Each structure stands twice: as C-alpha cells, then as structure tokens.
PDB file of N, CA and C in Angstrom:
ATOM      1  N   UNK A   1     -74.398 156.997  64.894  1.00  0.00           N
ATOM      2  CA  UNK A   1     -74.696 156.027  63.920  1.00  0.00           C
ATOM      3  C   UNK A   1     -74.974 154.891  65.096  1.00  0.00           C
ATOM      4  N   UNK A   2     -76.604 155.499  65.306  1.00  0.00           N
ATOM      5  CA  UNK A   2     -77.007 153.997  66.166  1.00  0.00           C
ATOM      6  C   UNK A   2     -77.755 152.960  65.327  1.00  0.00           C
ATOM      7  N   UNK A   3     -77.718 151.984  65.077  1.00  0.00           N
ATOM      8  CA  UNK A   3     -78.320 150.609  64.518  1.00  0.00           C
ATOM      9  C   UNK A   3     -79.084 149.850  65.472  1.00  0.00           C
ATOM     10  N   UNK A   4     -80.079 149.633  65.585  1.00  0.00           N
ATOM     11  CA  UNK A   4     -81.356 149.272  66.130  1.00  0.00           C
ATOM     12  C   UNK A   4     -81.678 147.895  65.491  1.00  0.00           C
ATOM     13  N   UNK A   5     -81.942 146.615  66.236  1.00  0.00           N
ATOM     14  CA  UNK A   5     -81.889 145.755  65.387  1.00  0.00           C
ATOM     15  C   UNK A   5     -83.503 145.305  66.444  1.00  0.00           C
ATOM     16  N   UNK A   6     -84.236 145.172  65.135  1.00  0.00           N
ATOM     17  CA  UNK A   6     -85.707 144.776  66.326  1.00  0.00           C
ATOM     18  C   UNK A   6     -86.175 143.173  65.629  1.00  0.00           C
ATOM     19  N   UNK A   7     -86.235 142.448  66.705  1.00  0.00           N
ATOM     20  CA  UNK A   7     -86.280 141.052  66.517  1.00  0.00           C
ATOM     21  C   UNK A   7     -87.697 140.844  66.846  1.00  0.00           C
ATOM     22  N   UNK A   8     -87.975 139.946  66.236  1.00  0.00           N
ATOM     23  CA  UNK A   8     -89.431 139.229  66.301  1.00  0.00           C
ATOM     24  C   UNK A   8     -89.463 137.990  66.442  1.00  0.00           C
ATOM     25  N   UNK A   9     -89.327 137.969  67.867  1.00  0.00           N
ATOM     26  CA  UNK A   9     -89.785 136.702  68.851  1.00  0.00           C
ATOM     27  C   UNK A   9     -90.568 136.058  68.437  1.00  0.00           C
ATOM     28  N   UNK A  10     -91.591 136.077  67.927  1.00  0.00           N
ATOM     29  CA  UNK A  10     -92.709 135.165  67.672  1.00  0.00           C
ATOM     30  C   UNK A  10     -92.441 134.729  66.489  1.00  0.00           C
ATOM     31  N   UNK A  11     -91.994 135.325  65.634  1.00  0.00           N
ATOM     32  CA  UNK A  11     -91.244 134.575  64.271  1.00  0.00           C
ATOM     33  C   UNK A  11     -90.162 133.553  64.553  1.00  0.00           C
ATOM     34  N   UNK A  12     -89.062 133.525  65.170  1.00  0.00           N
ATOM     35  CA  UNK A  12     -88.192 132.742  65.706  1.00  0.00           C
ATOM     36  C   UNK A  12     -89.060 131.752  66.235  1.00  0.00           C
ATOM     37  N   UNK A  13     -90.015 132.008  66.925  1.00  0.00           N
ATOM     38  CA  UNK A  13     -90.880 130.793  67.654  1.00  0.00           C
ATOM     39  C   UNK A  13     -91.310 129.778  66.622  1.00  0.00           C
ATOM     40  N   UNK A  14     -91.921 130.360  66.106  1.00  0.00           N
ATOM     41  CA  UNK A  14     -92.716 129.878  64.570  1.00  0.00           C
ATOM     42  C   UNK A  14     -91.922 128.893  64.147  1.00  0.00           C
ATOM     43  N   UNK A  15     -90.413 129.547  63.565  1.00  0.00           N
ATOM     44  CA  UNK A  15     -89.506 128.594  62.558  1.00  0.00           C
ATOM     45  C   UNK A  15     -88.831 127.904  63.524  1.00  0.00           C
ATOM     46  N   UNK A  16     -89.186 127.967  65.120  1.00  0.00           N
ATOM     47  CA  UNK A  16     -87.922 126.589  65.312  1.00  0.00           C
ATOM     48  C   UNK A  16     -89.491 125.712  65.505  1.00  0.00           C
ATOM     49  N   UNK A  17     -90.749 125.933  65.999  1.00  0.00           N
ATOM     50  CA  UNK A  17     -91.948 124.789  66.283  1.00  0.00           C
ATOM     51  C   UNK A  17     -91.820 124.016  64.803  1.00  0.00           C
ATOM     52  N   UNK A  18     -91.914 125.228  63.683  1.00  0.00           N
ATOM     53  CA  UNK A  18     -92.071 124.217  62.385  1.00  0.00           C
ATOM     54  C   UNK A  18     -90.903 123.157  61.700  1.00  0.00           C
ATOM     55  N   UNK A  19     -89.508 123.525  62.463  1.00  0.00           N
ATOM     56  CA  UNK A  19     -88.311 122.917  61.888  1.00  0.00           C
ATOM     57  C   UNK A  19     -88.606 121.624  63.164  1.00  0.00           C
ATOM     58  N   UNK A  20     -88.943 122.015  64.225  1.00  0.00           N
ATOM     59  CA  UNK A  20     -89.357 120.611  65.257  1.00  0.00           C
ATOM     60  C   UNK A  20     -89.965 119.323  64.915  1.00  0.00           C
ATOM     61  N   UNK A  21     -91.420 120.383  64.290  1.00  0.00           N
ATOM     62  CA  UNK A  21     -92.283 119.381  63.939  1.00  0.00           C
ATOM     63  C   UNK A  21     -91.959 118.596  62.477  1.00  0.00           C
ATOM     64  N   UNK A  22     -91.572 119.316  61.722  1.00  0.00           N
ATOM     65  CA  UNK A  22     -90.506 118.561  60.170  1.00  0.00           C
ATOM     66  C   UNK A  22     -89.701 117.572  60.904  1.00  0.00           C
ATOM     67  N   UNK A  23     -89.099 117.794  61.932  1.00  0.00           N
ATOM     68  CA  UNK A  23     -87.747 117.026  62.185  1.00  0.00           C
ATOM     69  C   UNK A  23     -88.494 115.605  62.636  1.00  0.00           C
ATOM     70  N   UNK A  24     -89.631 115.516  63.592  1.00  0.00           N
ATOM     71  CA  UNK A  24     -90.292 114.593  64.135  1.00  0.00           C
ATOM     72  C   UNK A  24     -91.411 113.762  63.077  1.00  0.00           C
ATOM     73  N   UNK A  25     -91.648 114.449  62.222  1.00  0.00           N
ATOM     74  CA  UNK A  25     -91.983 113.613  61.212  1.00  0.00           C
ATOM     75  C   UNK A  25     -91.181 113.002  60.389  1.00  0.00           C
ATOM     76  N   UNK A  26     -90.190 113.293  60.099  1.00  0.00           N
ATOM     77  CA  UNK A  26     -89.025 112.551  59.478  1.00  0.00           C
ATOM     78  C   UNK A  26     -88.329 111.654  60.348  1.00  0.00           C
ATOM     79  N   UNK A  27     -87.918 111.949  61.580  1.00  0.00           N
ATOM     80  CA  UNK A  27     -87.646 110.923  62.112  1.00  0.00           C
ATOM     81  C   UNK A  27     -89.107 109.975  62.555  1.00  0.00           C
ATOM     82  N   UNK A  28     -90.260 109.964  62.558  1.00  0.00           N
ATOM     83  CA  UNK A  28     -91.179 108.818  62.163  1.00  0.00           C
ATOM     84  C   UNK A  28     -91.213 108.048  61.289  1.00  0.00           C
ATOM     85  N   UNK A  29     -90.864 108.647  60.188  1.00  0.00           N
ATOM     86  CA  UNK A  29     -90.611 107.823  58.735  1.00  0.00           C
ATOM     87  C   UNK A  29     -89.502 107.015  58.932  1.00  0.00           C
ATOM     88  N   UNK A  30     -88.874 107.425  59.258  1.00  0.00           N
ATOM     89  CA  UNK A  30     -86.890 106.791  59.438  1.00  0.00           C
ATOM     90  C   UNK A  30     -87.301 105.822  60.480  1.00  0.00           C
ATOM     91  N   UNK A  31     -87.930 106.020  61.747  1.00  0.00           N
ATOM     92  CA  UNK A  31     -87.947 104.864  62.783  1.00  0.00           C
ATOM     93  C   UNK A  31     -88.815 104.065  62.141  1.00  0.00           C
ATOM     94  N   UNK A  32     -89.921 103.977  61.032  1.00  0.00           N
ATOM     95  CA  UNK A  32     -90.886 103.285  60.953  1.00  0.00           C
ATOM     96  C   UNK A  32     -89.849 102.537  59.719  1.00  0.00           C
ATOM     97  N   UNK A  33     -89.308 102.829  58.776  1.00  0.00           N
ATOM     98  CA  UNK A  33     -88.535 102.079  57.814  1.00  0.00           C
ATOM     99  C   UNK A  33     -87.259 101.559  58.123  1.00  0.00           C
ATOM    100  N   UNK A  34     -86.691 102.031  59.521  1.00  0.00           N
ATOM    101  CA  UNK A  34     -85.629 101.151  60.187  1.00  0.00           C
ATOM    102  C   UNK A  34     -85.799 100.175  61.218  1.00  0.00           C
ATOM    103  N   UNK A  35     -87.098 100.312  61.452  1.00  0.00           N
ATOM    104  CA  UNK A  35     -87.669  99.316  62.497  1.00  0.00           C
ATOM    105  C   UNK A  35     -87.728  97.629  61.569  1.00  0.00           C
ATOM    106  N   UNK A  36     -87.927  97.844  60.293  1.00  0.00           N
ATOM    107  CA  UNK A  36     -88.259  96.908  59.472  1.00  0.00           C
ATOM    108  C   UNK A  36     -86.878  95.939  59.201  1.00  0.00           C
ATOM    109  N   UNK A  37     -86.002  96.250  59.309  1.00  0.00           N
ATOM    110  CA  UNK A  37     -84.846  95.690  59.110  1.00  0.00           C
ATOM    111  C   UNK A  37     -84.450  95.252  60.636  1.00  0.00           C
ATOM    112  N   UNK A  38     -84.171  94.227  61.324  1.00  0.00           N
ATOM    113  CA  UNK A  38     -83.963  93.685  62.292  1.00  0.00           C
ATOM    114  C   UNK A  38     -82.532  94.232  62.517  1.00  0.00           C
ATOM    115  N   UNK A  39     -81.433  94.145  61.576  1.00  0.00           N
ATOM    116  CA  UNK A  39     -80.037  94.641  62.086  1.00  0.00           C
ATOM    117  C   UNK A  39     -80.324  96.498  62.142  1.00  0.00           C
ATOM    118  N   UNK A  40     -80.941  97.106  61.635  1.00  0.00           N
ATOM    119  CA  UNK A  40     -80.995  98.106  62.242  1.00  0.00           C
ATOM    120  C   UNK A  40     -82.244  98.514  63.017  1.00  0.00           C
ATOM    121  N   UNK A  41     -82.877  97.372  63.781  1.00  0.00           N
ATOM    122  CA  UNK A  41     -83.690  97.714  64.622  1.00  0.00           C
ATOM    123  C   UNK A  41     -82.751  97.831  65.946  1.00  0.00           C
ATOM    124  N   UNK A  42     -81.829  96.728  65.583  1.00  0.00           N
ATOM    125  CA  UNK A  42     -80.788  96.159  67.327  1.00  0.00           C
ATOM    126  C   UNK A  42     -80.111  97.859  67.144  1.00  0.00           C
ATOM    127  N   UNK A  43     -79.341  98.250  66.222  1.00  0.00           N
ATOM    128  CA  UNK A  43     -78.413  99.490  66.355  1.00  0.00           C
ATOM    129  C   UNK A  43     -79.495 100.687  66.629  1.00  0.00           C
ATOM    130  N   UNK A  44     -80.542 100.668  66.359  1.00  0.00           N
ATOM    131  CA  UNK A  44     -81.558 102.135  66.347  1.00  0.00           C
ATOM    132  C   UNK A  44     -81.732 101.981  67.983  1.00  0.00           C
ATOM    133  N   UNK A  45     -82.164 100.708  68.757  1.00  0.00           N
ATOM    134  CA  UNK A  45     -82.522 100.193  69.979  1.00  0.00           C
ATOM    135  C   UNK A  45     -81.109 100.620  71.104  1.00  0.00           C
ATOM    136  N   UNK A  46     -80.436 100.512  70.647  1.00  0.00           N
ATOM    137  CA  UNK A  46     -79.188 100.606  71.288  1.00  0.00           C
ATOM    138  C   UNK A  46     -79.103 101.870  71.557  1.00  0.00           C
ATOM    139  N   UNK A  47     -78.967 102.556  70.449  1.00  0.00           N
ATOM    140  CA  UNK A  47     -78.899 104.273  70.950  1.00  0.00           C
ATOM    141  C   UNK A  47     -79.959 105.140  70.464  1.00  0.00           C
ATOM    142  N   UNK A  48     -80.981 105.049  70.341  1.00  0.00           N
ATOM    143  CA  UNK A  48     -82.541 105.455  70.478  1.00  0.00           C
ATOM    144  C   UNK A  48     -82.177 106.938  70.680  1.00  0.00           C
ATOM    145  N   UNK A  49     -81.347 107.332  71.573  1.00  0.00           N
ATOM    146  CA  UNK A  49     -81.139 109.261  72.016  1.00  0.00           C
ATOM    147  C   UNK A  49     -80.574 109.972  71.292  1.00  0.00           C
ATOM    148  N   UNK A  50     -79.181 109.480  70.934  1.00  0.00           N
ATOM    149  CA  UNK A  50     -78.675 109.673  69.621  1.00  0.00           C
ATOM    150  C   UNK A  50     -79.271 109.530  68.599  1.00  0.00           C
ATOM    151  N   UNK A  51     -80.285 108.603  68.107  1.00  0.00           N
ATOM    152  CA  UNK A  51     -80.716 108.915  67.082  1.00  0.00           C
ATOM    153  C   UNK A  51     -81.921 109.749  66.705  1.00  0.00           C
ATOM    154  N   UNK A  52     -82.441 110.203  67.894  1.00  0.00           N
ATOM    155  CA  UNK A  52     -83.563 110.848  67.936  1.00  0.00           C
ATOM    156  C   UNK A  52     -83.242 112.061  67.804  1.00  0.00           C
ATOM    157  N   UNK A  53     -82.038 112.565  68.575  1.00  0.00           N
ATOM    158  CA  UNK A  53     -81.622 114.002  68.152  1.00  0.00           C
ATOM    159  C   UNK A  53     -81.040 114.055  67.317  1.00  0.00           C
ATOM    160  N   UNK A  54     -80.132 113.296  66.773  1.00  0.00           N
ATOM    161  CA  UNK A  54     -79.539 113.644  65.261  1.00  0.00           C
ATOM    162  C   UNK A  54     -80.312 113.467  64.260  1.00  0.00           C
ATOM    163  N   UNK A  55     -81.584 112.966  64.159  1.00  0.00           N
ATOM    164  CA  UNK A  55     -82.641 113.259  63.308  1.00  0.00           C
ATOM    165  C   UNK A  55     -83.101 114.299  62.942  1.00  0.00           C
ATOM    166  N   UNK A  56     -83.532 114.982  64.255  1.00  0.00           N
ATOM    167  CA  UNK A  56     -84.134 115.687  64.277  1.00  0.00           C
ATOM    168  C   UNK A  56     -83.346 117.194  63.997  1.00  0.00           C
ATOM    169  N   UNK A  57     -82.419 116.943  64.567  1.00  0.00           N
ATOM    170  CA  UNK A  57     -81.605 118.202  64.746  1.00  0.00           C
ATOM    171  C   UNK A  57     -81.067 118.321  63.234  1.00  0.00           C
ATOM    172  N   UNK A  58     -80.691 117.133  62.608  1.00  0.00           N
ATOM    173  CA  UNK A  58     -80.388 117.438  61.033  1.00  0.00           C
ATOM    174  C   UNK A  58     -80.943 116.756  59.959  1.00  0.00           C
ATOM    175  N   UNK A  59     -82.082 117.499  60.134  1.00  0.00           N
ATOM    176  CA  UNK A  59     -83.015 116.343  59.163  1.00  0.00           C
ATOM    177  C   UNK A  59     -82.696 116.859  58.301  1.00  0.00           C
ATOM    178  N   UNK A  60     -82.552 118.257  57.810  1.00  0.00           N
ATOM    179  CA  UNK A  60     -82.725 118.431  55.911  1.00  0.00           C
ATOM    180  C   UNK A  60     -80.988 117.784  55.592  1.00  0.00           C
ATOM    181  N   UNK A  61     -80.328 117.700  56.195  1.00  0.00           N
ATOM    182  CA  UNK A  61     -79.118 117.074  55.407  1.00  0.00           C
ATOM    183  C   UNK A  61     -79.195 115.483  55.488  1.00  0.00           C
ATOM    184  N   UNK A  62     -80.009 114.788  56.655  1.00  0.00           N
ATOM    185  CA  UNK A  62     -80.451 113.507  56.533  1.00  0.00           C
ATOM    186  C   UNK A  62     -81.357 113.615  55.257  1.00  0.00           C
ATOM    187  N   UNK A  63     -82.089 114.186  55.338  1.00  0.00           N
ATOM    188  CA  UNK A  63     -83.108 114.018  53.779  1.00  0.00           C
ATOM    189  C   UNK A  63     -82.278 114.385  52.265  1.00  0.00           C
ATOM    190  N   UNK A  64     -81.328 115.000  52.376  1.00  0.00           N
ATOM    191  CA  UNK A  64     -80.682 115.024  51.004  1.00  0.00           C
ATOM    192  C   UNK A  64     -80.212 113.869  51.144  1.00  0.00           C
ATOM    193  N   UNK A  65     -79.194 113.489  52.100  1.00  0.00           N
ATOM    194  CA  UNK A  65     -78.708 112.105  51.815  1.00  0.00           C
ATOM    195  C   UNK A  65     -79.412 110.388  51.253  1.00  0.00           C
ATOM    196  N   UNK A  66     -80.148 110.998  51.892  1.00  0.00           N
ATOM    197  CA  UNK A  66     -81.975 109.894  51.742  1.00  0.00           C
ATOM    198  C   UNK A  66     -82.166 110.189  50.513  1.00  0.00           C
ATOM    199  N   UNK A  67     -82.254 111.461  49.975  1.00  0.00           N
ATOM    200  CA  UNK A  67     -83.058 111.282  48.294  1.00  0.00           C
ATOM    201  C   UNK A  67     -81.485 110.868  47.441  1.00  0.00           C
ATOM    202  N   UNK A  68     -80.464 111.151  47.737  1.00  0.00           N
ATOM    203  CA  UNK A  68     -79.167 110.932  46.896  1.00  0.00           C
ATOM    204  C   UNK A  68     -79.046 109.417  46.782  1.00  0.00           C
ATOM    205  N   UNK A  69     -78.868 109.014  48.075  1.00  0.00           N
ATOM    206  CA  UNK A  69     -78.836 107.217  48.477  1.00  0.00           C
ATOM    207  C   UNK A  69     -79.880 106.151  47.315  1.00  0.00           C
ATOM    208  N   UNK A  70     -80.622 106.534  46.920  1.00  0.00           N
ATOM    209  CA  UNK A  70     -81.476 106.355  45.853  1.00  0.00           C
ATOM    210  C   UNK A  70     -81.061 105.621  44.887  1.00  0.00           C
ATOM    211  N   UNK A  71     -81.297 104.166  44.424  1.00  0.00           N
ATOM    212  CA  UNK A  71     -80.396 103.586  43.247  1.00  0.00           C
ATOM    213  C   UNK A  71     -80.987 104.239  41.825  1.00  0.00           C
ATOM    214  N   UNK A  72     -82.060 104.790  42.033  1.00  0.00           N
ATOM    215  CA  UNK A  72     -82.261 105.531  40.323  1.00  0.00           C
ATOM    216  C   UNK A  72     -81.844 106.730  39.631  1.00  0.00           C
ATOM    217  N   UNK A  73     -80.925 107.320  40.639  1.00  0.00           N
ATOM    218  CA  UNK A  73     -79.826 108.293  40.555  1.00  0.00           C
ATOM    219  C   UNK A  73     -78.742 107.694  39.596  1.00  0.00           C
ATOM    220  N   UNK A  74     -78.547 106.317  39.428  1.00  0.00           N
ATOM    221  CA  UNK A  74     -77.483 105.466  39.011  1.00  0.00           C
ATOM    222  C   UNK A  74     -78.128 104.885  37.467  1.00  0.00           C
ATOM    223  N   UNK A  75     -79.204 104.601  37.625  1.00  0.00           N
ATOM    224  CA  UNK A  75     -79.980 103.720  36.566  1.00  0.00           C
ATOM    225  C   UNK A  75     -79.630 104.660  35.346  1.00  0.00           C
ATOM    226  N   UNK A  76     -79.895 103.483  34.291  1.00  0.00           N
ATOM    227  CA  UNK A  76     -79.912 104.422  32.913  1.00  0.00           C
ATOM    228  C   UNK A  76     -81.318 104.627  32.753  1.00  0.00           C
ATOM    229  N   UNK A  77     -81.599 105.723  31.618  1.00  0.00           N
ATOM    230  CA  UNK A  77     -83.110 106.062  31.348  1.00  0.00           C
ATOM    231  C   UNK A  77     -83.996 104.911  31.010  1.00  0.00           C
ATOM    232  N   UNK A  78     -83.512 104.163  29.969  1.00  0.00           N
ATOM    233  CA  UNK A  78     -84.168 103.423  29.382  1.00  0.00           C
ATOM    234  C   UNK A  78     -84.609 102.184  30.615  1.00  0.00           C
ATOM    235  N   UNK A  79     -83.823 101.824  31.748  1.00  0.00           N
ATOM    236  CA  UNK A  79     -83.630 100.770  32.527  1.00  0.00           C
ATOM    237  C   UNK A  79     -84.980 101.348  33.515  1.00  0.00           C
ATOM    238  N   UNK A  80     -84.945 102.957  33.728  1.00  0.00           N
ATOM    239  CA  UNK A  80     -85.656 103.409  34.819  1.00  0.00           C
ATOM    240  C   UNK A  80     -87.552 103.373  34.247  1.00  0.00           C
ATOM    241  N   UNK A  81     -87.603 103.668  32.907  1.00  0.00           N
ATOM    242  CA  UNK A  81     -88.707 103.595  31.980  1.00  0.00           C
ATOM    243  C   UNK A  81     -89.401 102.135  31.947  1.00  0.00           C
ATOM    244  N   UNK A  82     -88.660 100.842  31.874  1.00  0.00           N
ATOM    245  CA  UNK A  82     -88.846  99.789  31.887  1.00  0.00           C
ATOM    246  C   UNK A  82     -89.543  99.241  33.085  1.00  0.00           C
ATOM    247  N   UNK A  83     -89.109  99.913  34.186  1.00  0.00           N
ATOM    248  CA  UNK A  83     -89.376  99.168  35.670  1.00  0.00           C
ATOM    249  C   UNK A  83     -91.017  99.682  35.973  1.00  0.00           C
ATOM    250  N   UNK A  84     -90.920 101.239  35.738  1.00  0.00           N
ATOM    251  CA  UNK A  84     -92.113 101.505  35.631  1.00  0.00           C
ATOM    252  C   UNK A  84     -93.202 101.588  34.890  1.00  0.00           C
ATOM    253  N   UNK A  85     -93.068 100.478  33.946  1.00  0.00           N
ATOM    254  CA  UNK A  85     -94.366 100.235  33.133  1.00  0.00           C
ATOM    255  C   UNK A  85     -95.279  99.287  33.873  1.00  0.00           C
TER     256      UNK A  85
END
C-alpha cells in the first residue's frame, strides 16, 4: 500500500505570498494608527522589529483582537442607532 502525496509547490508559494501581503497591509494600518498616539509611537519605535514580525506572522489573530476590542460590542442597540444618525 503505497501512498503518494503530490505537493503543489506553486500553490504553497502563492498562499505564502498572499499571507505576507495581507500581513503587510495590516502592518501599515497598525503603524499608521499607532503613530498617532505619542505613547504608542515610543513603544513601537523602541521595538520595531518585534512589532513588525509579530504583526506579519500573527495578523489574523491581531485582526480578530482588534475587531472585538471595539466598544461597539458592549453598547446598547438604542445608543448605537443614536450615535450613527
């Protein structure tokens, strides 16, 4: 019983490239928002390499944390509608 696995190297390369490109886009968004706050700017500048590698490698997790940290999730529905009118 011989099992032969065919690995599509081109598909793996394309998925890796798209993952890195999405990470870079998320990195630029985080850096743009992070440099607006002077305290965060100092933290980012002191450990820029760690920030870049962490954001690019773990961007799906960081994106989920960012979305669910918005205060809109804990607002009442009535206040939410009043806020957007």
